[in-house]
Protein backbone atom coordinates (compact mmCIF):
# COMPACT_ATOMS: atom_id res chain seq x y z
CA MET A 1 -17.19 -28.45 -57.42
CA PRO A 2 -16.79 -31.68 -55.46
CA LEU A 3 -14.28 -31.39 -52.62
CA LEU A 4 -13.29 -27.81 -53.56
CA GLY A 5 -16.72 -26.21 -53.28
CA HIS A 6 -16.45 -22.61 -54.45
CA ALA A 7 -12.73 -22.36 -53.63
CA GLY A 8 -11.77 -23.23 -57.22
CA ALA A 9 -13.88 -20.42 -58.68
CA LEU A 10 -12.62 -18.00 -56.04
CA LEU A 11 -9.00 -18.81 -56.88
CA ARG A 12 -9.45 -19.08 -60.65
CA ASP A 13 -11.39 -15.83 -61.25
CA PRO A 14 -11.79 -14.10 -57.87
CA LEU A 15 -12.86 -10.66 -59.11
CA GLY A 16 -15.33 -11.98 -61.67
CA PHE A 17 -16.74 -14.32 -59.02
CA LEU A 18 -17.26 -11.45 -56.57
CA GLU A 19 -18.96 -9.30 -59.23
CA ARG A 20 -21.28 -12.16 -60.23
CA VAL A 21 -22.26 -12.97 -56.66
CA TYR A 22 -22.71 -9.38 -55.43
CA PRO A 23 -26.25 -8.89 -56.87
CA LEU A 24 -27.53 -12.22 -55.52
CA GLY A 25 -28.32 -10.96 -52.01
CA ASP A 26 -26.98 -9.62 -48.75
CA VAL A 27 -25.71 -13.02 -47.63
CA VAL A 28 -24.81 -15.77 -50.12
CA ALA A 29 -24.01 -19.30 -48.95
CA LEU A 30 -20.68 -20.76 -50.11
CA ARG A 31 -18.47 -23.72 -49.33
CA LEU A 32 -14.67 -23.53 -49.20
CA GLY A 33 -13.48 -27.10 -49.41
CA PRO A 34 -15.46 -28.99 -46.75
CA LYS A 35 -16.14 -25.86 -44.69
CA PRO A 36 -19.32 -23.75 -44.85
CA ALA A 37 -18.86 -20.09 -45.66
CA CYS A 38 -20.87 -17.09 -46.76
CA LEU A 39 -20.24 -13.95 -48.79
CA VAL A 40 -21.58 -10.67 -47.40
CA ASN A 41 -22.61 -7.99 -49.91
CA GLY A 42 -23.83 -4.43 -49.58
CA PRO A 43 -22.95 -1.48 -47.35
CA GLU A 44 -25.34 -2.08 -44.47
CA PRO A 45 -24.54 -5.79 -43.93
CA LEU A 46 -20.82 -4.93 -44.08
CA ARG A 47 -21.26 -2.15 -41.52
CA GLN A 48 -23.11 -4.59 -39.28
CA VAL A 49 -20.23 -7.08 -39.35
CA LEU A 50 -17.44 -4.51 -39.08
CA ILE A 51 -18.96 -2.04 -36.62
CA SER A 52 -22.16 -2.85 -34.74
CA ASP A 53 -21.44 -6.59 -34.28
CA ALA A 54 -17.62 -6.42 -34.49
CA ALA A 55 -17.17 -7.91 -31.00
CA ARG A 56 -18.99 -11.08 -32.10
CA TYR A 57 -16.32 -11.97 -34.67
CA ASP A 58 -12.68 -12.91 -34.77
CA LYS A 59 -10.62 -12.53 -37.93
CA GLY A 60 -10.98 -16.02 -39.40
CA PHE A 61 -8.70 -18.58 -40.98
CA GLN A 62 -6.89 -16.08 -43.24
CA PHE A 63 -5.55 -14.29 -40.20
CA ASP A 64 -4.87 -17.56 -38.36
CA GLN A 65 -2.36 -18.28 -41.11
CA LEU A 66 -0.87 -14.78 -41.04
CA ARG A 67 -0.55 -14.86 -37.25
CA GLY A 68 1.66 -17.91 -37.46
CA LEU A 69 3.91 -16.17 -39.98
CA ILE A 70 4.19 -12.54 -38.82
CA GLY A 71 3.06 -12.67 -35.19
CA ASP A 72 0.13 -11.24 -33.29
CA GLY A 73 0.36 -7.55 -34.19
CA VAL A 74 -2.43 -5.05 -34.70
CA GLY A 75 -3.26 -6.56 -38.10
CA THR A 76 -3.90 -10.09 -36.81
CA SER A 77 -4.87 -9.73 -33.13
CA GLY A 78 -8.39 -9.33 -31.79
CA GLY A 79 -10.34 -8.37 -28.70
CA ALA A 80 -8.71 -6.52 -25.81
CA LYS A 81 -5.21 -7.16 -27.14
CA HIS A 82 -6.05 -5.55 -30.46
CA ARG A 83 -7.57 -2.52 -28.76
CA ARG A 84 -4.49 -2.01 -26.59
CA GLN A 85 -2.09 -2.49 -29.50
CA ARG A 86 -4.06 -0.02 -31.60
CA ARG A 87 -3.87 2.58 -28.84
CA LEU A 88 -0.10 2.11 -28.68
CA MET A 89 0.23 2.25 -32.48
CA ARG A 90 -1.86 5.39 -32.91
CA PRO A 91 0.83 7.96 -31.98
CA ALA A 92 3.24 6.59 -34.60
CA PHE A 93 0.63 7.24 -37.31
CA ASP A 94 -0.88 10.52 -36.13
CA HIS A 95 -0.80 13.53 -38.42
CA GLU A 96 2.28 15.12 -36.86
CA HIS A 97 4.42 12.00 -37.09
CA VAL A 98 3.27 11.14 -40.62
CA GLU A 99 4.29 14.64 -41.73
CA GLY A 100 7.74 13.87 -40.35
CA TYR A 101 8.00 10.67 -42.40
CA VAL A 102 7.35 12.56 -45.67
CA ALA A 103 10.98 13.71 -45.80
CA VAL A 104 12.09 10.05 -45.77
CA MET A 105 9.49 9.16 -48.40
CA ALA A 106 10.59 12.03 -50.63
CA ARG A 107 14.25 10.94 -50.46
CA CYS A 108 13.29 7.41 -51.46
CA ALA A 109 11.13 8.66 -54.35
CA ALA A 110 13.92 10.95 -55.55
CA GLN A 111 16.37 8.05 -55.46
CA ILE A 112 14.18 5.78 -57.55
CA VAL A 113 13.59 8.38 -60.26
CA ALA A 114 17.37 8.92 -60.33
CA ASP A 115 17.91 5.17 -60.70
CA TRP A 116 15.61 5.16 -63.73
CA ARG A 117 17.87 7.49 -65.75
CA GLN A 118 19.65 4.45 -67.12
CA ALA A 119 16.49 2.35 -67.42
CA PRO A 120 14.30 3.30 -70.39
CA ARG A 121 11.90 0.48 -69.49
CA ILE A 122 10.74 -0.73 -66.06
CA ASP A 123 8.34 -3.15 -64.43
CA ALA A 124 6.32 -0.73 -62.30
CA GLY A 125 5.00 -3.57 -60.13
CA ARG A 126 8.50 -4.57 -59.06
CA GLU A 127 9.81 -0.98 -58.83
CA MET A 128 6.93 0.27 -56.69
CA ARG A 129 7.32 -2.67 -54.35
CA ARG A 130 11.03 -1.85 -54.07
CA LEU A 131 10.24 1.78 -53.33
CA ALA A 132 7.53 0.97 -50.77
CA MET A 133 9.76 -1.53 -48.97
CA THR A 134 12.62 0.97 -48.84
CA ALA A 135 10.49 3.92 -47.72
CA ILE A 136 8.64 1.98 -45.04
CA THR A 137 11.84 0.41 -43.71
CA ARG A 138 13.66 3.74 -43.58
CA ALA A 139 10.69 5.46 -41.92
CA MET A 140 10.62 2.60 -39.43
CA PHE A 141 14.29 2.81 -38.43
CA GLU A 142 15.56 6.29 -39.37
CA ALA A 143 14.69 9.78 -38.17
CA ALA A 144 13.51 12.26 -40.79
CA ASP A 145 16.73 14.26 -40.60
CA ASP A 146 19.07 11.25 -40.84
CA GLU A 147 21.06 10.57 -43.94
CA PRO A 148 20.03 7.20 -45.46
CA GLY A 149 21.57 4.42 -43.46
CA GLY A 150 22.62 6.52 -40.47
CA ASP A 151 25.00 4.32 -38.50
CA GLY A 152 24.60 1.48 -40.98
CA SER A 153 21.87 -0.44 -39.18
CA GLY A 154 19.09 1.13 -41.23
CA SER A 155 20.81 0.17 -44.49
CA ALA A 156 21.27 -3.39 -43.26
CA ALA A 157 17.54 -3.55 -42.47
CA VAL A 158 16.66 -2.25 -45.95
CA ASP A 159 18.93 -4.87 -47.54
CA GLU A 160 17.26 -7.65 -45.56
CA VAL A 161 13.76 -6.41 -46.39
CA LEU A 162 14.56 -6.07 -50.11
CA ALA A 163 15.95 -9.61 -50.17
CA SER A 164 13.35 -11.40 -48.05
CA LEU A 165 10.05 -9.53 -48.08
CA PRO A 166 9.17 -10.27 -51.76
CA ILE A 167 9.51 -13.99 -51.04
CA LEU A 168 7.35 -13.70 -47.94
CA LEU A 169 4.70 -11.64 -49.74
CA GLY A 170 4.61 -14.09 -52.62
CA GLY A 171 3.80 -17.02 -50.33
CA VAL A 172 1.55 -15.36 -47.78
CA GLY A 173 -1.30 -14.68 -50.22
CA ARG A 174 -1.68 -18.30 -51.27
CA ARG A 175 -1.37 -19.61 -47.72
CA ALA A 176 -3.88 -17.10 -46.35
CA LEU A 177 -6.50 -17.59 -49.06
CA LEU A 178 -6.44 -21.38 -49.15
CA PRO A 179 -4.42 -22.77 -46.25
CA LEU A 180 -3.11 -26.29 -46.88
CA ALA A 181 -0.89 -27.10 -43.91
CA VAL A 182 0.48 -30.34 -45.37
CA LEU A 183 1.60 -28.66 -48.58
CA ASN A 184 3.08 -25.69 -46.72
CA LYS A 185 5.27 -27.98 -44.59
CA ALA A 186 6.60 -30.06 -47.47
CA PRO A 187 10.36 -29.49 -47.99
CA THR A 188 9.96 -28.07 -51.51
CA PRO A 189 12.42 -25.45 -52.80
CA GLY A 190 9.67 -22.81 -52.63
CA ASN A 191 8.76 -23.64 -49.05
CA LEU A 192 12.42 -23.65 -48.01
CA ARG A 193 12.97 -20.22 -49.58
CA PHE A 194 9.83 -18.97 -47.85
CA ASP A 195 10.97 -20.28 -44.46
CA ARG A 196 14.44 -18.72 -44.83
CA ALA A 197 12.95 -15.38 -45.83
CA CYS A 198 10.54 -15.42 -42.91
CA ALA A 199 13.34 -16.28 -40.47
CA GLY A 200 15.55 -13.54 -41.92
CA LEU A 201 12.90 -10.86 -41.44
CA HIS A 202 12.14 -11.97 -37.89
CA ALA A 203 15.87 -11.86 -37.04
CA MET A 204 16.16 -8.38 -38.60
CA ALA A 205 13.26 -7.08 -36.48
CA ASP A 206 14.89 -8.42 -33.31
CA ARG A 207 18.24 -6.84 -34.22
CA MET A 208 16.71 -3.42 -34.85
CA ILE A 209 14.83 -3.44 -31.55
CA ALA A 210 17.93 -4.54 -29.65
CA ASP A 211 19.99 -1.88 -31.41
CA HIS A 212 17.48 0.82 -30.51
CA ARG A 213 17.34 -0.32 -26.88
CA SER A 214 21.14 -0.36 -26.61
CA ARG A 215 21.41 3.20 -27.92
CA GLN A 216 18.92 4.34 -25.28
CA VAL A 217 21.05 3.06 -22.39
CA SER A 218 23.46 6.00 -22.38
CA ALA A 219 22.73 9.53 -23.50
CA ALA A 220 26.34 9.75 -24.63
CA HIS A 221 25.62 7.22 -27.37
CA ARG A 222 22.40 8.72 -28.66
CA THR A 223 22.37 9.91 -32.25
CA ALA A 224 19.91 11.63 -34.54
CA SER A 225 18.36 8.25 -35.29
CA ASP A 226 16.99 8.25 -31.73
CA GLY A 227 14.59 10.91 -33.03
CA PRO A 228 11.05 10.35 -34.27
CA SER A 229 11.47 7.23 -36.36
CA LEU A 230 8.44 4.99 -36.50
CA LEU A 231 10.16 2.41 -34.28
CA SER A 232 11.26 4.95 -31.67
CA THR A 233 7.69 6.28 -31.49
CA LEU A 234 6.31 2.77 -31.05
CA LEU A 235 8.76 1.94 -28.28
CA ALA A 236 8.09 5.26 -26.50
CA ALA A 237 4.29 4.90 -26.59
CA VAL A 238 2.39 4.56 -23.32
CA ASP A 239 -1.15 3.19 -23.15
CA ASP A 240 -3.32 6.09 -21.94
CA GLU A 241 -5.94 3.70 -20.50
CA GLU A 242 -3.99 0.88 -18.88
CA GLY A 243 -0.51 2.33 -18.64
CA GLY A 244 2.68 0.62 -19.77
CA GLY A 245 4.12 0.40 -23.25
CA MET A 246 5.14 -2.21 -25.79
CA THR A 247 7.30 -5.15 -24.91
CA ASP A 248 10.04 -6.07 -27.37
CA ALA A 249 7.95 -9.05 -28.50
CA GLN A 250 4.97 -6.80 -29.24
CA ALA A 251 7.16 -4.30 -31.08
CA HIS A 252 8.58 -7.19 -33.13
CA ASP A 253 5.10 -8.25 -34.23
CA GLU A 254 4.17 -4.67 -35.15
CA ILE A 255 7.32 -4.26 -37.26
CA MET A 256 6.38 -7.39 -39.21
CA THR A 257 2.79 -6.19 -39.59
CA VAL A 258 3.78 -2.74 -40.87
CA LEU A 259 6.30 -4.19 -43.33
CA LEU A 260 3.80 -6.68 -44.75
CA ALA A 261 0.60 -4.62 -44.78
CA GLY A 262 2.22 -1.29 -45.61
CA THR A 263 4.25 -2.59 -48.50
CA GLU A 264 1.44 -4.50 -50.17
CA THR A 265 -1.15 -1.74 -49.95
CA SER A 266 1.09 1.14 -51.00
CA ALA A 267 3.06 -0.69 -53.69
CA GLY A 268 -0.05 -2.09 -55.35
CA THR A 269 -1.83 1.27 -55.40
CA LEU A 270 1.27 3.00 -56.80
CA ALA A 271 1.69 0.42 -59.56
CA TRP A 272 -2.00 0.65 -60.49
CA THR A 273 -1.75 4.46 -60.58
CA LEU A 274 1.20 4.39 -62.97
CA HIS A 275 -0.62 1.82 -65.11
CA VAL A 276 -3.72 4.01 -65.32
CA LEU A 277 -1.74 7.16 -66.14
CA SER A 278 0.26 5.34 -68.82
CA ARG A 279 -2.99 4.39 -70.59
CA ASP A 280 -4.45 7.93 -70.47
CA LEU A 281 -1.84 10.45 -71.60
CA ASP A 282 -4.25 13.40 -71.34
CA LEU A 283 -4.87 12.59 -67.69
CA GLN A 284 -1.15 12.07 -67.12
CA ARG A 285 -0.31 15.45 -68.64
CA ALA A 286 -2.91 17.11 -66.39
CA VAL A 287 -1.27 15.51 -63.35
CA GLN A 288 2.15 16.66 -64.62
CA ARG A 289 0.89 20.24 -65.00
CA GLU A 290 -0.48 20.15 -61.46
CA THR A 291 2.74 18.82 -59.94
CA ALA A 292 4.85 21.29 -61.94
CA ALA A 293 2.75 24.21 -60.68
CA VAL A 294 2.94 23.06 -57.04
CA LEU A 295 6.48 21.71 -56.82
CA ALA A 296 8.29 23.85 -59.41
CA GLY A 297 10.99 21.18 -59.68
CA ARG A 298 11.65 20.71 -55.96
CA THR A 299 11.11 17.74 -53.69
CA PRO A 300 7.55 17.49 -52.29
CA THR A 301 6.93 18.37 -48.66
CA ALA A 302 4.09 17.36 -46.36
CA ALA A 303 2.41 20.74 -46.97
CA ASP A 304 2.39 20.12 -50.74
CA LEU A 305 0.33 16.95 -50.49
CA SER A 306 -2.87 18.86 -49.68
CA THR A 307 -2.44 21.05 -52.78
CA LEU A 308 -2.63 18.27 -55.38
CA PRO A 309 -6.42 17.80 -55.84
CA LEU A 310 -6.30 16.08 -59.23
CA THR A 311 -3.56 13.68 -58.16
CA ARG A 312 -5.59 12.86 -55.05
CA ARG A 313 -8.72 12.22 -57.15
CA VAL A 314 -6.76 9.89 -59.43
CA VAL A 315 -5.54 7.90 -56.44
CA SER A 316 -9.04 7.89 -54.91
CA GLU A 317 -10.39 6.36 -58.09
CA VAL A 318 -7.54 3.82 -58.21
CA LEU A 319 -8.48 2.80 -54.65
CA ARG A 320 -12.10 2.40 -55.73
CA TYR A 321 -11.39 0.55 -58.94
CA TYR A 322 -8.64 -1.65 -57.52
CA PRO A 323 -9.39 -1.81 -53.77
CA PRO A 324 -6.37 -3.21 -51.89
CA SER A 325 -8.71 -4.98 -49.46
CA TRP A 326 -10.71 -6.68 -52.17
CA ILE A 327 -12.04 -9.32 -49.77
CA LEU A 328 -11.80 -9.67 -46.02
CA GLY A 329 -12.44 -12.59 -43.69
CA ARG A 330 -14.30 -12.70 -40.39
CA ARG A 331 -15.51 -15.64 -38.28
CA PRO A 332 -18.39 -15.41 -35.76
CA ILE A 333 -17.47 -16.65 -32.29
CA GLN A 334 -21.16 -17.19 -31.54
CA ASP A 335 -24.29 -17.74 -33.60
CA VAL A 336 -25.17 -14.43 -35.32
CA GLN A 337 -27.58 -12.96 -37.81
CA ILE A 338 -26.38 -10.91 -40.76
CA ALA A 339 -29.12 -8.87 -42.42
CA GLY A 340 -31.60 -11.22 -40.74
CA VAL A 341 -29.90 -14.38 -42.06
CA PRO A 342 -28.77 -16.87 -39.35
CA VAL A 343 -25.04 -17.64 -39.56
CA PRO A 344 -23.68 -20.34 -37.20
CA ALA A 345 -20.60 -19.76 -35.07
CA GLY A 346 -17.39 -20.77 -36.86
CA THR A 347 -18.69 -20.07 -40.38
CA GLN A 348 -16.12 -18.38 -42.60
CA VAL A 349 -17.60 -14.97 -43.47
CA LEU A 350 -16.12 -13.22 -46.51
CA LEU A 351 -16.77 -9.50 -46.96
CA ASN A 352 -17.12 -8.51 -50.62
CA PHE A 353 -15.30 -5.17 -50.84
CA TYR A 354 -14.61 -5.51 -54.57
CA GLY A 355 -18.29 -5.91 -55.39
CA LEU A 356 -19.08 -2.97 -53.13
CA HIS A 357 -16.65 -0.70 -55.02
CA HIS A 358 -18.20 -1.72 -58.34
CA ASP A 359 -21.83 -1.35 -57.29
CA PRO A 360 -23.67 0.64 -60.00
CA ALA A 361 -26.10 1.92 -57.35
CA ALA A 362 -23.28 4.03 -55.95
CA TYR A 363 -21.01 4.39 -58.99
CA PRO A 364 -22.63 4.89 -62.41
CA GLU A 365 -20.68 2.95 -65.02
CA PRO A 366 -18.57 1.34 -62.29
CA ASP A 367 -16.17 -0.30 -64.77
CA ARG A 368 -15.20 3.11 -66.20
CA PHE A 369 -12.16 4.74 -64.57
CA ASP A 370 -13.27 8.30 -63.83
CA PRO A 371 -11.38 10.52 -61.36
CA ASP A 372 -13.97 13.25 -61.88
CA ARG A 373 -16.54 11.19 -59.99
CA TRP A 374 -14.67 12.46 -56.90
CA LEU A 375 -15.04 16.16 -57.80
CA ASP A 376 -18.26 16.47 -55.85
CA PRO A 377 -19.35 13.03 -54.69
CA ASP A 378 -22.78 12.62 -53.11
CA PRO A 379 -21.93 11.49 -49.57
CA GLU A 380 -25.25 9.68 -49.19
CA ALA A 381 -24.89 7.83 -52.49
CA ILE A 382 -21.47 6.44 -51.62
CA ARG A 383 -21.98 6.09 -47.86
CA GLY A 384 -20.52 2.73 -46.93
CA HIS A 385 -19.59 2.00 -50.56
CA TYR A 386 -16.00 3.21 -50.28
CA LEU A 387 -13.82 1.19 -47.93
CA PRO A 388 -10.27 1.02 -49.37
CA PHE A 389 -8.75 0.84 -45.88
CA GLY A 390 -11.50 -1.07 -44.10
CA LEU A 391 -14.00 0.16 -41.54
CA GLY A 392 -14.62 0.07 -37.82
CA PRO A 393 -12.26 -0.88 -34.98
CA HIS A 394 -10.03 -2.91 -37.33
CA ALA A 395 -9.67 -0.24 -40.05
CA CYS A 396 -6.11 0.33 -41.24
CA VAL A 397 -4.23 2.40 -38.66
CA GLY A 398 -1.69 3.44 -41.31
CA GLU A 399 -4.11 5.03 -43.80
CA GLY A 400 -2.55 8.49 -43.49
CA PHE A 401 0.95 7.03 -43.91
CA ALA A 402 -0.13 5.20 -47.08
CA TRP A 403 -1.74 8.33 -48.57
CA SER A 404 1.40 10.35 -47.89
CA LEU A 405 3.69 7.77 -49.48
CA ILE A 406 1.47 7.39 -52.55
CA LEU A 407 1.04 11.13 -53.18
CA THR A 408 4.73 11.86 -52.55
CA THR A 409 5.78 9.15 -55.00
CA VAL A 410 3.27 9.93 -57.76
CA SER A 411 4.05 13.66 -57.68
CA THR A 412 7.80 12.96 -57.78
CA ILE A 413 7.54 10.59 -60.74
CA ALA A 414 5.17 12.94 -62.60
CA SER A 415 7.73 15.72 -62.17
CA HIS A 416 10.43 13.74 -63.96
CA TYR A 417 8.89 11.24 -66.40
CA THR A 418 6.10 10.45 -68.78
CA VAL A 419 5.21 6.77 -68.49
CA LYS A 420 3.80 4.80 -71.41
CA PRO A 421 2.76 1.14 -71.68
CA ALA A 422 5.32 -1.12 -73.27
CA PRO A 423 4.09 -2.23 -76.73
CA GLY A 424 1.88 -5.30 -76.53
CA SER A 425 1.86 -5.41 -72.74
CA VAL A 426 -1.17 -6.75 -70.87
CA VAL A 427 -1.51 -6.03 -67.15
CA LYS A 428 -3.48 -8.55 -65.12
CA PRO A 429 -4.73 -8.18 -61.53
CA VAL A 430 -3.42 -10.57 -58.90
CA ALA A 431 -5.90 -11.06 -56.06
CA ARG A 432 -4.12 -12.53 -53.06
CA THR A 433 -3.53 -10.83 -49.71
CA THR A 434 -4.22 -7.55 -51.52
CA LEU A 435 -5.30 -6.72 -55.06
CA HIS A 436 -2.16 -5.75 -56.96
CA PRO A 437 -1.06 -5.90 -60.60
CA GLY A 438 1.29 -8.52 -61.91
CA VAL A 439 3.95 -7.30 -64.32
CA VAL A 440 3.45 -3.64 -65.38
CA PRO A 441 5.93 -2.99 -68.24
CA LEU A 442 6.33 0.77 -68.78
CA VAL A 443 8.48 2.85 -71.12
CA LEU A 444 10.02 5.94 -69.49
CA GLU A 445 10.36 9.28 -71.26
CA PRO A 446 12.27 11.88 -69.20
CA LEU A 447 10.69 15.33 -69.07
CA THR A 448 12.94 18.04 -70.48
C-alpha cells in the first residue's frame, strides 16, 4: 500500500501474512513504511542469520524501541556487552537455581487455584498474566524458603508489578512493531498512563536493588531473603572471563528484561494451554489422570516436572502451534548475503518463526493440534523447525525457568479444576511483542 508498504498487512493479519509469504522463497522483499525490509523463511536461512552470521547483525528497530523503555539488558543489548551480560545471567537460570524457584512457583499456583474457588468463570489470559507476574516477581526478590512478602518489600514489588506491568506490556508491542515517535510522545491519556507505569516499574527496580544492597552491609541484618533469590544470584555473579560483576544499573536493566520477557512468554503459553485443554476434554482428562498419579493431591516439586510426559507434550505442541517468538527482527551492520541473496546494511530483516512452525515439510497437517507428534519426533525432520525460545547466542536464557513455571502451573490447575470454554466465546490471537491470546473466557468446574 502507498506509504505503509506491507506494514498494514503485517498489522492487520500478521499470522496469515506470514503463512502466505513463507512458501514464496528463502528471502522475500518487503517494505515497512518507507524503509526496505525482507522476510527470511526456512530453517537454514534462519540458522545462518542467528548462528553463523550472528555477529554481522544487531537487533533492529524493534529492540531500539524496547531499549529506550526497559534499558540495555540481555534481551536488548548486542555484541560484547550482550555476551558479558549473558555470562552473568547464566548462574541465575542454571538447573540448580531453577529447581529452587519451583517452590515459589508452586506457592503462586496454589494461591491462584484457591482464589478461583469463588470464581466460577475466569479470563485465563488475564489470570495467567497475573500468575506469571506474581511468580516471576517473587522468584526475583524472595528466597525459596521465604513466606510470601518476607519483610514486606517483596509484596510491595508484586503490587507495583501487578499495577504497572500490564500497562507497559500493552503499549510495548505496538511501539516495537511499528514505532511512531511523534504519536508515542503525544500527551494522550494512553501515553500518560504508559509513561507513569514505566516510571513506576523503574523506581521499583531501583528500590529492590537498594534494599538488597543495604541488607548485605551487616550480617546482623541478613534474613532468609538474602538466600538464592533470582536478584541475589544476579548481584552475586562474577564474570568468569573478565572478572567483576553487575553494577546496579546493569542489574536494573536485567530486572526489567526478566519482568517483561518472562511474563509475556510464560503467561501467553499458559493461557493457550488452558484454551487448548478446554476445547479437548478427552485430552484434558488424560492430563488430569497423569497429574493425579504423579502428585496425589500434593503441591508439585521440581522432581515431579520430569515425570509428566503428556503434559510436557501438550506444552511442546502449544509452543509449536502458538510460538511466543512468532517473528523476530535483526538488522545487518554490513552488507550481507542470506541464502545467496544480497541484503544491504541497515535493511530490516524479519525472521518468520510462525511460518517455520507451520511448515508442512516438518509437521504434517500443521494446522492440527497434535501432542502425539512429540511422542517420537524425527530429529532430522524437525531440525531447525522448532524454535520457541530462539536460537544461537541470543536464545532465551530463561527457557528452563519458563518450562518450570508452565509445567508447575498446568499440573496444579489440572489437579483442582476442569476448564471449559464459556458458551459462545471466541479466542483470537494477538501478535505483538509475543503471540498471546486475547480474552480467554473459561468456566471452572472443581474436581471432587
